[in-house]
Amino acid sequence: MGVFGLVFIVIGIAVVIFCVKTIVDGMKRGGWQETAGIVRESPIATKEVGGFRVTTKGWSAAQPTITYEYEVGGRRYTGRGIAMVRETRSLFGGRRSNMAGFAEGAQIPVYYDPADPSRSATFKGGFGCAALIGIVVGLFFMLFGWMFMSF
């Protein structure tokens, strides 16, 4: 039983460390500057239909990874990041997504580190709530492992 408990403790520690790092990284990005970027590569495709831009591919539950270019101080940089796709639903069943805003050629906000402009992201904050839930899950794994080690 001791090895089984130890495995749970190690998994719990790894989850907690990963989630704390995610929160710290998000806090560091809080002081980053914003500039305009252009999406150069994206799995998302759109087309014009009846005066509306619709997504024709790239829809999935996962956040698609994009490649983008941006300029700081007259110098061009290239970054890769997650397209922060958000979907809203209305009371009457309609759904809207900002996915079309991440198709190739779209202009997006890019956040960069003023101390090192080559470091960038497509979103400023972190995954606060999800990371906090991850910490609770990691602590639960550690407690569960400790319980197995004790008996």
Protein backbone atom coordinates (compact mmCIF):
# COMPACT_ATOMS: atom_id res chain seq x y z
CA MET A 1 0.00 0.00 0.00
CA GLY A 2 2.94 2.34 0.61
CA VAL A 3 3.95 2.51 -3.07
CA PHE A 4 0.36 3.19 -4.15
CA GLY A 5 0.12 6.08 -1.68
CA LEU A 6 3.50 7.44 -2.76
CA VAL A 7 2.35 7.52 -6.39
CA PHE A 8 -0.67 9.62 -5.40
CA ILE A 9 1.52 11.98 -3.38
CA VAL A 10 3.94 12.48 -6.29
CA ILE A 11 1.07 13.11 -8.74
CA GLY A 12 -0.46 15.60 -6.30
CA ILE A 13 2.83 17.48 -5.88
CA ALA A 14 3.30 17.65 -9.67
CA VAL A 15 -0.24 19.00 -10.21
CA VAL A 16 0.19 21.64 -7.47
CA ILE A 17 3.57 22.79 -8.85
CA PHE A 18 2.17 23.05 -12.41
CA CYS A 19 -0.88 25.04 -11.25
CA VAL A 20 1.15 27.41 -9.05
CA LYS A 21 3.51 28.03 -12.00
CA THR A 22 0.49 28.80 -14.20
CA ILE A 23 -0.79 31.37 -11.69
CA VAL A 24 2.65 32.98 -11.29
CA ASP A 25 3.13 33.18 -15.09
CA GLY A 26 -0.28 34.85 -15.43
CA MET A 27 0.62 37.39 -12.75
CA LYS A 28 3.90 38.21 -14.52
CA ARG A 29 2.02 38.84 -17.78
CA GLY A 30 -0.09 41.43 -15.94
CA GLY A 31 2.63 44.05 -16.57
CA TRP A 32 3.13 43.20 -20.23
CA GLN A 33 2.40 45.74 -22.96
CA GLU A 34 -0.17 45.32 -25.74
CA THR A 35 0.48 45.69 -29.45
CA ALA A 36 -1.29 44.64 -32.64
CA GLY A 37 -0.42 41.32 -34.23
CA ILE A 38 -1.38 39.49 -37.42
CA VAL A 39 -2.27 35.79 -37.46
CA ARG A 40 0.05 34.07 -39.97
CA GLU A 41 -0.85 30.38 -39.44
CA SER A 42 -4.09 29.04 -38.03
CA PRO A 43 -6.16 25.86 -38.24
CA ILE A 44 -9.24 28.11 -38.39
CA ALA A 45 -10.75 29.02 -41.77
CA THR A 46 -13.62 31.39 -42.49
CA LYS A 47 -15.66 32.54 -45.46
CA GLU A 48 -18.18 35.27 -46.23
CA VAL A 49 -21.78 34.02 -46.33
CA GLY A 50 -24.66 36.47 -46.79
CA GLY A 51 -22.64 39.38 -45.42
CA PHE A 52 -21.50 37.43 -42.35
CA ARG A 53 -18.11 35.83 -41.71
CA VAL A 54 -18.57 32.21 -40.65
CA THR A 55 -16.10 29.58 -39.44
CA THR A 56 -15.72 26.71 -41.90
CA LYS A 57 -13.06 24.63 -40.15
CA GLY A 58 -11.06 24.60 -36.95
CA TRP A 59 -13.98 24.24 -34.57
CA SER A 60 -13.18 21.92 -31.68
CA ALA A 61 -13.40 21.84 -27.93
CA ALA A 62 -9.64 22.44 -27.77
CA GLN A 63 -8.08 25.88 -28.04
CA PRO A 64 -6.32 26.03 -31.44
CA THR A 65 -2.64 27.01 -31.60
CA ILE A 66 -1.79 29.91 -33.93
CA THR A 67 1.38 31.57 -35.21
CA TYR A 68 1.36 35.36 -35.27
CA GLU A 69 3.65 38.30 -36.05
CA TYR A 70 3.94 41.56 -34.16
CA GLU A 71 6.24 44.56 -34.11
CA VAL A 72 7.91 46.30 -31.16
CA GLY A 73 10.27 49.25 -31.57
CA GLY A 74 10.52 48.73 -35.34
CA ARG A 75 11.56 45.07 -34.97
CA ARG A 76 9.34 42.15 -36.09
CA TYR A 77 8.77 39.12 -33.89
CA THR A 78 6.98 35.83 -34.41
CA GLY A 79 5.13 34.00 -31.67
CA ARG A 80 3.04 30.89 -31.18
CA GLY A 81 0.15 30.82 -28.80
CA ILE A 82 -3.30 29.66 -27.96
CA ALA A 83 -6.23 31.33 -29.68
CA MET A 84 -8.42 32.31 -26.74
CA VAL A 85 -11.71 31.28 -28.33
CA ARG A 86 -14.76 32.31 -26.40
CA GLU A 87 -18.34 31.33 -27.07
CA THR A 88 -21.38 33.14 -25.78
CA ARG A 89 -24.93 31.85 -25.75
CA SER A 90 -28.06 33.93 -25.71
CA LEU A 91 -31.27 33.30 -23.85
CA PHE A 92 -32.96 32.33 -27.12
CA GLY A 93 -30.47 29.60 -28.00
CA GLY A 94 -28.16 31.55 -30.29
CA ARG A 95 -24.42 30.95 -30.05
CA ARG A 96 -21.64 33.31 -31.02
CA SER A 97 -17.95 32.62 -31.11
CA ASN A 98 -14.96 34.86 -31.66
CA MET A 99 -13.16 32.03 -33.48
CA ALA A 100 -13.26 33.86 -36.83
CA GLY A 101 -11.05 36.51 -35.23
CA PHE A 102 -8.17 34.00 -35.17
CA ALA A 103 -8.21 32.96 -38.86
CA GLU A 104 -5.12 33.65 -41.01
CA GLY A 105 -4.72 37.37 -41.67
CA ALA A 106 -6.82 38.46 -38.68
CA GLN A 107 -5.52 41.25 -36.48
CA ILE A 108 -5.27 40.25 -32.81
CA PRO A 109 -3.97 41.81 -29.61
CA VAL A 110 -0.54 40.49 -28.61
CA TYR A 111 0.94 41.00 -25.16
CA TYR A 112 4.74 41.16 -24.89
CA ASP A 113 7.30 41.43 -22.12
CA PRO A 114 8.81 44.96 -22.24
CA ALA A 115 12.10 43.59 -20.86
CA ASP A 116 12.24 40.91 -23.60
CA PRO A 117 9.86 41.64 -26.50
CA SER A 118 10.49 38.18 -27.99
CA ARG A 119 8.35 36.76 -25.16
CA SER A 120 4.68 37.14 -26.03
CA ALA A 121 1.22 35.73 -25.47
CA THR A 122 -2.23 36.04 -27.01
CA PHE A 123 -3.83 36.64 -23.62
CA LYS A 124 -2.72 38.66 -20.64
CA GLY A 125 -3.94 36.86 -17.55
CA GLY A 126 -3.61 33.30 -16.42
CA PHE A 127 -6.01 30.44 -15.93
CA GLY A 128 -6.84 31.59 -12.38
CA CYS A 129 -9.96 29.61 -11.57
CA ALA A 130 -8.85 26.46 -13.38
CA ALA A 131 -5.44 26.64 -11.70
CA LEU A 132 -7.02 27.03 -8.26
CA ILE A 133 -9.22 24.01 -8.91
CA GLY A 134 -6.08 22.13 -10.00
CA ILE A 135 -4.36 23.02 -6.73
CA VAL A 136 -7.33 21.66 -4.76
CA VAL A 137 -7.26 18.45 -6.83
CA GLY A 138 -3.50 18.14 -6.30
CA LEU A 139 -3.90 18.60 -2.54
CA PHE A 140 -6.66 15.98 -2.57
CA PHE A 141 -4.30 13.54 -4.32
CA MET A 142 -1.61 14.25 -1.71
CA LEU A 143 -4.09 13.71 1.16
CA PHE A 144 -5.38 10.52 -0.45
CA GLY A 145 -1.80 9.25 -0.86
CA TRP A 146 -0.94 10.14 2.71
CA MET A 147 -4.01 8.21 3.90
CA PHE A 148 -2.82 5.11 2.02
CA MET A 149 0.68 5.50 3.45
CA SER A 150 -0.75 5.73 6.99
CA PHE A 151 -2.82 2.54 6.84
